């Protein structure tokens, strides 16, 4: 059964690569945590590339970063919104662009995460102190 899972995975991965042949891959389509990873491999580590970031598919206003031919970068600090990324060389864009939507957790949800963490911490401190007191009797 395990071979079937690997077969489906490899077949699907190969199909996606053959259909798009895009050297730029993104770790997620929607980022709720505010960060994501872009990976690329052009097959030439010595080539100099530019990673372009834009707010629209037209790439009207671009933020550029010089990057090596193979590697990864973690993108952080973006506000809520949709962003587009693509690789570029002197001759023009390489492959197609990738799209990422940043949608941070709401303040209420973040507050509930904090409250749950505080309750677990308080429970742990209580158990440790209570166990220590019983050990000293």
C-alpha atoms as a PDB file:
ATOM      1  CA  UNK A   1       0.000   0.000   0.000  1.00  0.00           C
ATOM      2  CA  UNK A   2       2.873   2.350   0.767  1.00  0.00           C
ATOM      3  CA  UNK A   3       4.181   2.032  -2.794  1.00  0.00           C
ATOM      4  CA  UNK A   4       0.803   3.242  -4.080  1.00  0.00           C
ATOM      5  CA  UNK A   5       1.018   6.412  -1.983  1.00  0.00           C
ATOM      6  CA  UNK A   6       4.548   7.109  -3.265  1.00  0.00           C
ATOM      7  CA  UNK A   7       3.462   6.400  -6.844  1.00  0.00           C
ATOM      8  CA  UNK A   8       0.578   8.879  -6.595  1.00  0.00           C
ATOM      9  CA  UNK A   9       2.826  11.477  -4.957  1.00  0.00           C
ATOM     10  CA  UNK A  10       5.595  11.148  -7.532  1.00  0.00           C
ATOM     11  CA  UNK A  11       3.180  11.070 -10.453  1.00  0.00           C
ATOM     12  CA  UNK A  12       1.327  14.157  -9.237  1.00  0.00           C
ATOM     13  CA  UNK A  13       4.585  15.992  -8.528  1.00  0.00           C
ATOM     14  CA  UNK A  14       5.960  15.112 -11.943  1.00  0.00           C
ATOM     15  CA  UNK A  15       2.778  16.225 -13.658  1.00  0.00           C
ATOM     16  CA  UNK A  16       2.811  19.600 -11.911  1.00  0.00           C
ATOM     17  CA  UNK A  17       6.469  20.092 -12.841  1.00  0.00           C
ATOM     18  CA  UNK A  18       5.894  19.102 -16.460  1.00  0.00           C
ATOM     19  CA  UNK A  19       2.809  21.283 -16.781  1.00  0.00           C
ATOM     20  CA  UNK A  20       4.413  24.451 -15.405  1.00  0.00           C
ATOM     21  CA  UNK A  21       8.177  23.839 -15.311  1.00  0.00           C
ATOM     22  CA  UNK A  22       8.485  26.730 -12.846  1.00  0.00           C
ATOM     23  CA  UNK A  23      11.767  26.844 -10.893  1.00  0.00           C
ATOM     24  CA  UNK A  24      10.105  28.993  -8.177  1.00  0.00           C
ATOM     25  CA  UNK A  25       8.065  27.138  -5.537  1.00  0.00           C
ATOM     26  CA  UNK A  26       6.225  28.506  -2.502  1.00  0.00           C
ATOM     27  CA  UNK A  27       5.681  26.638   0.781  1.00  0.00           C
ATOM     28  CA  UNK A  28       2.014  27.709   1.114  1.00  0.00           C
ATOM     29  CA  UNK A  29      -0.698  29.536  -0.805  1.00  0.00           C
ATOM     30  CA  UNK A  30      -2.111  31.213   2.316  1.00  0.00           C
ATOM     31  CA  UNK A  31       0.052  32.331   5.236  1.00  0.00           C
ATOM     32  CA  UNK A  32      -1.755  32.910   8.532  1.00  0.00           C
ATOM     33  CA  UNK A  33       1.475  33.141  10.520  1.00  0.00           C
ATOM     34  CA  UNK A  34       2.942  35.975   8.437  1.00  0.00           C
ATOM     35  CA  UNK A  35       5.856  34.057   6.920  1.00  0.00           C
ATOM     36  CA  UNK A  36       6.464  31.608   4.087  1.00  0.00           C
ATOM     37  CA  UNK A  37       9.407  30.137   2.198  1.00  0.00           C
ATOM     38  CA  UNK A  38      10.247  30.538  -1.486  1.00  0.00           C
ATOM     39  CA  UNK A  39      12.512  27.862  -3.026  1.00  0.00           C
ATOM     40  CA  UNK A  40      14.105  27.927  -6.448  1.00  0.00           C
ATOM     41  CA  UNK A  41      16.480  25.839  -8.503  1.00  0.00           C
ATOM     42  CA  UNK A  42      17.433  26.946 -11.990  1.00  0.00           C
ATOM     43  CA  UNK A  43      20.049  24.218 -12.345  1.00  0.00           C
ATOM     44  CA  UNK A  44      22.890  26.752 -12.390  1.00  0.00           C
ATOM     45  CA  UNK A  45      24.200  27.790  -8.967  1.00  0.00           C
ATOM     46  CA  UNK A  46      26.489  30.453 -10.442  1.00  0.00           C
ATOM     47  CA  UNK A  47      23.718  32.329 -12.245  1.00  0.00           C
ATOM     48  CA  UNK A  48      22.633  35.634 -10.742  1.00  0.00           C
ATOM     49  CA  UNK A  49      18.889  36.027 -10.439  1.00  0.00           C
ATOM     50  CA  UNK A  50      16.526  38.679  -9.191  1.00  0.00           C
ATOM     51  CA  UNK A  51      13.488  37.799  -7.094  1.00  0.00           C
ATOM     52  CA  UNK A  52      10.706  40.249  -7.838  1.00  0.00           C
ATOM     53  CA  UNK A  53       7.783  40.947  -5.510  1.00  0.00           C
ATOM     54  CA  UNK A  54       4.649  42.836  -6.532  1.00  0.00           C
ATOM     55  CA  UNK A  55       1.101  43.525  -5.369  1.00  0.00           C
ATOM     56  CA  UNK A  56      -0.407  42.656  -8.765  1.00  0.00           C
ATOM     57  CA  UNK A  57       0.103  40.108 -11.531  1.00  0.00           C
ATOM     58  CA  UNK A  58       1.187  42.932 -13.856  1.00  0.00           C
ATOM     59  CA  UNK A  59       4.283  43.619 -11.682  1.00  0.00           C
ATOM     60  CA  UNK A  60       3.759  47.388 -12.033  1.00  0.00           C
ATOM     61  CA  UNK A  61       5.564  48.262  -8.792  1.00  0.00           C
ATOM     62  CA  UNK A  62       8.334  45.781  -8.042  1.00  0.00           C
ATOM     63  CA  UNK A  63      10.547  45.149  -5.039  1.00  0.00           C
ATOM     64  CA  UNK A  64      13.703  43.349  -6.207  1.00  0.00           C
ATOM     65  CA  UNK A  65      16.204  41.186  -4.343  1.00  0.00           C
ATOM     66  CA  UNK A  66      19.408  39.758  -5.831  1.00  0.00           C
ATOM     67  CA  UNK A  67      19.613  36.009  -5.190  1.00  0.00           C
ATOM     68  CA  UNK A  68      21.852  33.095  -6.285  1.00  0.00           C
ATOM     69  CA  UNK A  69      20.759  30.509  -8.879  1.00  0.00           C
ATOM     70  CA  UNK A  70      19.753  27.934  -6.260  1.00  0.00           C
ATOM     71  CA  UNK A  71      18.402  28.455  -2.782  1.00  0.00           C
ATOM     72  CA  UNK A  72      15.554  29.536  -0.551  1.00  0.00           C
ATOM     73  CA  UNK A  73      14.400  32.658   1.230  1.00  0.00           C
ATOM     74  CA  UNK A  74      11.958  33.158   4.082  1.00  0.00           C
ATOM     75  CA  UNK A  75       9.680  36.119   3.512  1.00  0.00           C
ATOM     76  CA  UNK A  76       8.345  37.830   6.655  1.00  0.00           C
ATOM     77  CA  UNK A  77       6.888  41.162   7.712  1.00  0.00           C
ATOM     78  CA  UNK A  78       4.203  41.469   5.031  1.00  0.00           C
ATOM     79  CA  UNK A  79       0.822  42.990   5.817  1.00  0.00           C
ATOM     80  CA  UNK A  80      -2.438  41.245   4.939  1.00  0.00           C
ATOM     81  CA  UNK A  81      -2.882  41.035   1.184  1.00  0.00           C
ATOM     82  CA  UNK A  82      -2.015  39.093  -1.948  1.00  0.00           C
ATOM     83  CA  UNK A  83       1.552  39.119  -3.237  1.00  0.00           C
ATOM     84  CA  UNK A  84       3.144  37.838  -6.434  1.00  0.00           C
ATOM     85  CA  UNK A  85       6.726  36.640  -6.849  1.00  0.00           C
ATOM     86  CA  UNK A  86       8.774  35.716  -9.909  1.00  0.00           C
ATOM     87  CA  UNK A  87      12.364  35.067 -10.905  1.00  0.00           C
ATOM     88  CA  UNK A  88      14.098  37.272 -13.444  1.00  0.00           C
ATOM     89  CA  UNK A  89      17.367  37.269 -15.354  1.00  0.00           C
ATOM     90  CA  UNK A  90      18.711  39.873 -17.756  1.00  0.00           C
ATOM     91  CA  UNK A  91      16.805  38.172 -20.572  1.00  0.00           C
ATOM     92  CA  UNK A  92      13.452  38.443 -18.748  1.00  0.00           C
ATOM     93  CA  UNK A  93      11.213  36.483 -16.384  1.00  0.00           C
ATOM     94  CA  UNK A  94      11.966  32.796 -15.722  1.00  0.00           C
ATOM     95  CA  UNK A  95       8.915  30.562 -15.412  1.00  0.00           C
ATOM     96  CA  UNK A  96       5.628  31.892 -14.135  1.00  0.00           C
ATOM     97  CA  UNK A  97       4.843  33.912 -11.045  1.00  0.00           C
ATOM     98  CA  UNK A  98       3.628  32.402  -7.768  1.00  0.00           C
ATOM     99  CA  UNK A  99       0.902  33.925  -5.623  1.00  0.00           C
ATOM    100  CA  UNK A 100       0.751  34.050  -1.827  1.00  0.00           C
ATOM    101  CA  UNK A 101      -2.034  35.479   0.303  1.00  0.00           C
ATOM    102  CA  UNK A 102      -1.054  36.759   3.749  1.00  0.00           C
ATOM    103  CA  UNK A 103      -4.001  36.698   6.138  1.00  0.00           C
ATOM    104  CA  UNK A 104      -2.866  36.986   9.758  1.00  0.00           C
ATOM    105  CA  UNK A 105      -4.840  35.433  12.595  1.00  0.00           C
ATOM    106  CA  UNK A 106      -7.407  37.806  14.069  1.00  0.00           C
ATOM    107  CA  UNK A 107      -6.627  39.576  17.345  1.00  0.00           C
ATOM    108  CA  UNK A 108      -9.359  37.558  19.083  1.00  0.00           C
ATOM    109  CA  UNK A 109      -7.818  34.283  17.923  1.00  0.00           C
ATOM    110  CA  UNK A 110      -4.327  35.386  18.950  1.00  0.00           C
ATOM    111  CA  UNK A 111      -5.741  36.367  22.358  1.00  0.00           C
ATOM    112  CA  UNK A 112      -7.319  32.930  22.758  1.00  0.00           C
ATOM    113  CA  UNK A 113      -3.953  31.288  21.903  1.00  0.00           C
ATOM    114  CA  UNK A 114      -2.318  33.457  24.581  1.00  0.00           C
ATOM    115  CA  UNK A 115      -4.998  32.629  27.175  1.00  0.00           C
ATOM    116  CA  UNK A 116      -4.708  28.901  26.486  1.00  0.00           C
ATOM    117  CA  UNK A 117      -0.916  29.075  26.783  1.00  0.00           C
ATOM    118  CA  UNK A 118      -1.167  31.035  30.040  1.00  0.00           C
ATOM    119  CA  UNK A 119      -3.624  28.469  31.470  1.00  0.00           C
ATOM    120  CA  UNK A 120      -1.332  25.574  30.541  1.00  0.00           C
ATOM    121  CA  UNK A 121       1.656  27.380  32.046  1.00  0.00           C
ATOM    122  CA  UNK A 122      -0.244  28.061  35.269  1.00  0.00           C
ATOM    123  CA  UNK A 123      -1.324  24.417  35.472  1.00  0.00           C
ATOM    124  CA  UNK A 124       2.251  23.240  34.987  1.00  0.00           C
ATOM    125  CA  UNK A 125       3.572  25.581  37.708  1.00  0.00           C
ATOM    126  CA  UNK A 126       0.824  24.405  40.081  1.00  0.00           C
ATOM    127  CA  UNK A 127       1.657  20.713  39.451  1.00  0.00           C
ATOM    128  CA  UNK A 128       5.381  21.294  39.978  1.00  0.00           C
ATOM    129  CA  UNK A 129       4.906  23.296  43.195  1.00  0.00           C
ATOM    130  CA  UNK A 130       2.279  20.895  44.543  1.00  0.00           C
ATOM    131  CA  UNK A 131       4.478  17.874  43.769  1.00  0.00           C
ATOM    132  CA  UNK A 132       7.492  19.552  45.395  1.00  0.00           C
ATOM    133  CA  UNK A 133       5.479  20.338  48.565  1.00  0.00           C
ATOM    134  CA  UNK A 134       4.284  16.724  48.877  1.00  0.00           C
ATOM    135  CA  UNK A 135       7.865  15.456  48.410  1.00  0.00           C
ATOM    136  CA  UNK A 136       9.074  17.591  51.364  1.00  0.00           C
ATOM    137  CA  UNK A 137       6.507  16.186  53.810  1.00  0.00           C
END
